[in-house]
Structure formats: C-alpha cells, structure tokens
Amino acid sequence: MFRMWGKIFHENHMLKDTVICIDSDLNRTRKVYQALEEICYEFDLSKPLWLDHNKNDFIHHSKTRFNSDSFVEDIDFDFLEIQVIEED
C-alpha cells in the first residue's frame, strides 16, 4: 500500500488535508504522480509544476511544498504540501 498525505496551508494553519491510498503495481514515480493528481482533484486545483527544488526535496525527504510559483493559476493559500506516509 502506498499512501500520500496532501495538506493545504494558509498563514501556518492547515486548511484542508487528505490521504490518498494507492494499491497497484505501478512504480514509485507513477504512484506519486497519481496520488498528486487525486489530491489536486479532491482540492479542485490544477496540477502544480515540479520545479528543481521540489524534485530535490521529494527525493531526499519524501516530502515537498508547492507554493504559488508552482501553479499556473492564482491560489488562495500559501502552499500545498505532499508527503509519503507509507510505502510497500
């Protein structure tokens, strides 16, 4: 089971959160992208762009934050944070 926690923060307060569970034979990268897509769908957001610092943070910590620079549209929060909480 692969589980990813998605959280939206504004002024250091968590506004929304969700946990996405993926139970399939996909590789880790595809599971991450699928979970992020489901998080964005649930929060009604466009998918963020993976900037270099997002990739590096995620590779080293299994966690990253997407701020307004990562979104094409304007956002009404400070950042979206994703974190892997369980991997097979």
C-alpha atoms as a PDB file:
ATOM      1  CA  MET A   1       0.000   0.000   0.000  1.00  0.00           C
ATOM      2  CA  PHE A   2       1.244   3.465  -0.924  1.00  0.00           C
ATOM      3  CA  ARG A   3      -0.208   6.415   0.992  1.00  0.00           C
ATOM      4  CA  MET A   4       0.385  10.113   0.411  1.00  0.00           C
ATOM      5  CA  TRP A   5      -0.812  12.948   2.640  1.00  0.00           C
ATOM      6  CA  GLY A   6      -1.777  16.204   0.956  1.00  0.00           C
ATOM      7  CA  LYS A   7      -2.217  19.392   3.011  1.00  0.00           C
ATOM      8  CA  ILE A   8      -3.113  22.990   2.179  1.00  0.00           C
ATOM      9  CA  PHE A   9      -1.727  25.705   4.452  1.00  0.00           C
ATOM     10  CA  HIS A  10      -2.510  29.396   4.831  1.00  0.00           C
ATOM     11  CA  GLU A  11      -0.701  31.560   7.409  1.00  0.00           C
ATOM     12  CA  ASN A  12       0.752  28.443   9.101  1.00  0.00           C
ATOM     13  CA  HIS A  13      -2.693  26.879   9.587  1.00  0.00           C
ATOM     14  CA  MET A  14      -3.737  23.704   7.859  1.00  0.00           C
ATOM     15  CA  LEU A  15      -6.962  24.409   5.967  1.00  0.00           C
ATOM     16  CA  LYS A  16      -7.536  21.040   4.296  1.00  0.00           C
ATOM     17  CA  ASP A  17      -5.927  17.648   4.235  1.00  0.00           C
ATOM     18  CA  THR A  18      -6.491  14.284   2.644  1.00  0.00           C
ATOM     19  CA  VAL A  19      -4.768  10.913   2.443  1.00  0.00           C
ATOM     20  CA  ILE A  20      -4.658   9.102  -0.877  1.00  0.00           C
ATOM     21  CA  CYS A  21      -4.132   5.333  -0.900  1.00  0.00           C
ATOM     22  CA  ILE A  22      -2.873   3.561  -3.996  1.00  0.00           C
ATOM     23  CA  ASP A  23      -2.763  -0.212  -4.132  1.00  0.00           C
ATOM     24  CA  SER A  24      -1.381  -1.099  -7.550  1.00  0.00           C
ATOM     25  CA  ASP A  25       1.718  -2.464  -9.236  1.00  0.00           C
ATOM     26  CA  LEU A  26       2.865   0.918 -10.549  1.00  0.00           C
ATOM     27  CA  ASN A  27       6.413   2.072  -9.862  1.00  0.00           C
ATOM     28  CA  ARG A  28       7.008   4.673  -7.155  1.00  0.00           C
ATOM     29  CA  THR A  29       7.159   7.638  -9.541  1.00  0.00           C
ATOM     30  CA  ARG A  30       3.830   6.770 -11.153  1.00  0.00           C
ATOM     31  CA  LYS A  31       2.242   6.283  -7.721  1.00  0.00           C
ATOM     32  CA  VAL A  32       3.462   9.741  -6.659  1.00  0.00           C
ATOM     33  CA  TYR A  33       2.060  11.371  -9.799  1.00  0.00           C
ATOM     34  CA  GLN A  34      -1.248   9.516  -9.489  1.00  0.00           C
ATOM     35  CA  ALA A  35      -1.595  10.445  -5.814  1.00  0.00           C
ATOM     36  CA  LEU A  36      -0.791  14.097  -6.552  1.00  0.00           C
ATOM     37  CA  GLU A  37      -3.385  14.106  -9.335  1.00  0.00           C
ATOM     38  CA  GLU A  38      -6.020  12.688  -6.962  1.00  0.00           C
ATOM     39  CA  ILE A  39      -5.093  15.233  -4.258  1.00  0.00           C
ATOM     40  CA  CYS A  40      -5.447  18.088  -6.747  1.00  0.00           C
ATOM     41  CA  TYR A  41      -8.767  16.703  -7.969  1.00  0.00           C
ATOM     42  CA  GLU A  42     -10.096  16.474  -4.412  1.00  0.00           C
ATOM     43  CA  PHE A  43      -8.949  20.038  -3.611  1.00  0.00           C
ATOM     44  CA  ASP A  44     -10.129  21.340  -7.032  1.00  0.00           C
ATOM     45  CA  LEU A  45      -6.629  22.536  -8.000  1.00  0.00           C
ATOM     46  CA  SER A  46      -4.645  22.491 -11.189  1.00  0.00           C
ATOM     47  CA  LYS A  47      -1.653  20.177 -11.047  1.00  0.00           C
ATOM     48  CA  PRO A  48       1.467  22.026  -9.867  1.00  0.00           C
ATOM     49  CA  LEU A  49       4.711  22.145 -11.792  1.00  0.00           C
ATOM     50  CA  TRP A  50       7.629  20.176 -10.362  1.00  0.00           C
ATOM     51  CA  LEU A  51      10.427  22.725 -10.005  1.00  0.00           C
ATOM     52  CA  ASP A  52      14.005  21.655  -9.272  1.00  0.00           C
ATOM     53  CA  HIS A  53      13.731  22.335  -5.541  1.00  0.00           C
ATOM     54  CA  ASN A  54      10.513  20.275  -5.388  1.00  0.00           C
ATOM     55  CA  LYS A  55      12.234  17.319  -7.031  1.00  0.00           C
ATOM     56  CA  ASN A  56      15.257  17.557  -4.731  1.00  0.00           C
ATOM     57  CA  ASP A  57      13.144  17.884  -1.570  1.00  0.00           C
ATOM     58  CA  PHE A  58      10.989  14.947  -2.579  1.00  0.00           C
ATOM     59  CA  ILE A  59      13.951  12.734  -3.463  1.00  0.00           C
ATOM     60  CA  HIS A  60      15.691  13.406  -0.145  1.00  0.00           C
ATOM     61  CA  HIS A  61      12.738  13.693   2.265  1.00  0.00           C
ATOM     62  CA  SER A  62       9.709  12.120   0.500  1.00  0.00           C
ATOM     63  CA  LYS A  63       8.040  15.471   1.115  1.00  0.00           C
ATOM     64  CA  THR A  64       7.767  18.785  -0.741  1.00  0.00           C
ATOM     65  CA  ARG A  65       5.831  22.041  -0.805  1.00  0.00           C
ATOM     66  CA  PHE A  66       4.310  23.647  -3.878  1.00  0.00           C
ATOM     67  CA  ASN A  67       3.894  27.418  -3.487  1.00  0.00           C
ATOM     68  CA  SER A  68       2.375  29.932  -5.899  1.00  0.00           C
ATOM     69  CA  ASP A  69       5.396  29.656  -8.238  1.00  0.00           C
ATOM     70  CA  SER A  70       4.419  26.051  -8.979  1.00  0.00           C
ATOM     71  CA  PHE A  71       0.848  26.816 -10.057  1.00  0.00           C
ATOM     72  CA  VAL A  72      -0.219  28.382 -13.345  1.00  0.00           C
ATOM     73  CA  GLU A  73      -3.421  29.747 -11.787  1.00  0.00           C
ATOM     74  CA  ASP A  74      -3.640  32.042  -8.763  1.00  0.00           C
ATOM     75  CA  ILE A  75      -4.044  30.208  -5.467  1.00  0.00           C
ATOM     76  CA  ASP A  76      -5.741  31.436  -2.295  1.00  0.00           C
ATOM     77  CA  PHE A  77      -3.407  29.636   0.118  1.00  0.00           C
ATOM     78  CA  ASP A  78       0.315  29.726   0.900  1.00  0.00           C
ATOM     79  CA  PHE A  79       1.362  26.233  -0.182  1.00  0.00           C
ATOM     80  CA  LEU A  80       0.326  22.661  -0.902  1.00  0.00           C
ATOM     81  CA  GLU A  81       2.450  20.101   0.909  1.00  0.00           C
ATOM     82  CA  ILE A  82       2.637  16.443  -0.053  1.00  0.00           C
ATOM     83  CA  GLN A  83       4.291  13.734   1.997  1.00  0.00           C
ATOM     84  CA  VAL A  84       4.627   9.991   1.534  1.00  0.00           C
ATOM     85  CA  ILE A  85       3.464   8.349   4.759  1.00  0.00           C
ATOM     86  CA  GLU A  86       3.589   4.680   3.746  1.00  0.00           C
ATOM     87  CA  GLU A  87       5.296   2.677   1.015  1.00  0.00           C
ATOM     88  CA  ASP A  88       5.224  -1.020   0.233  1.00  0.00           C
END
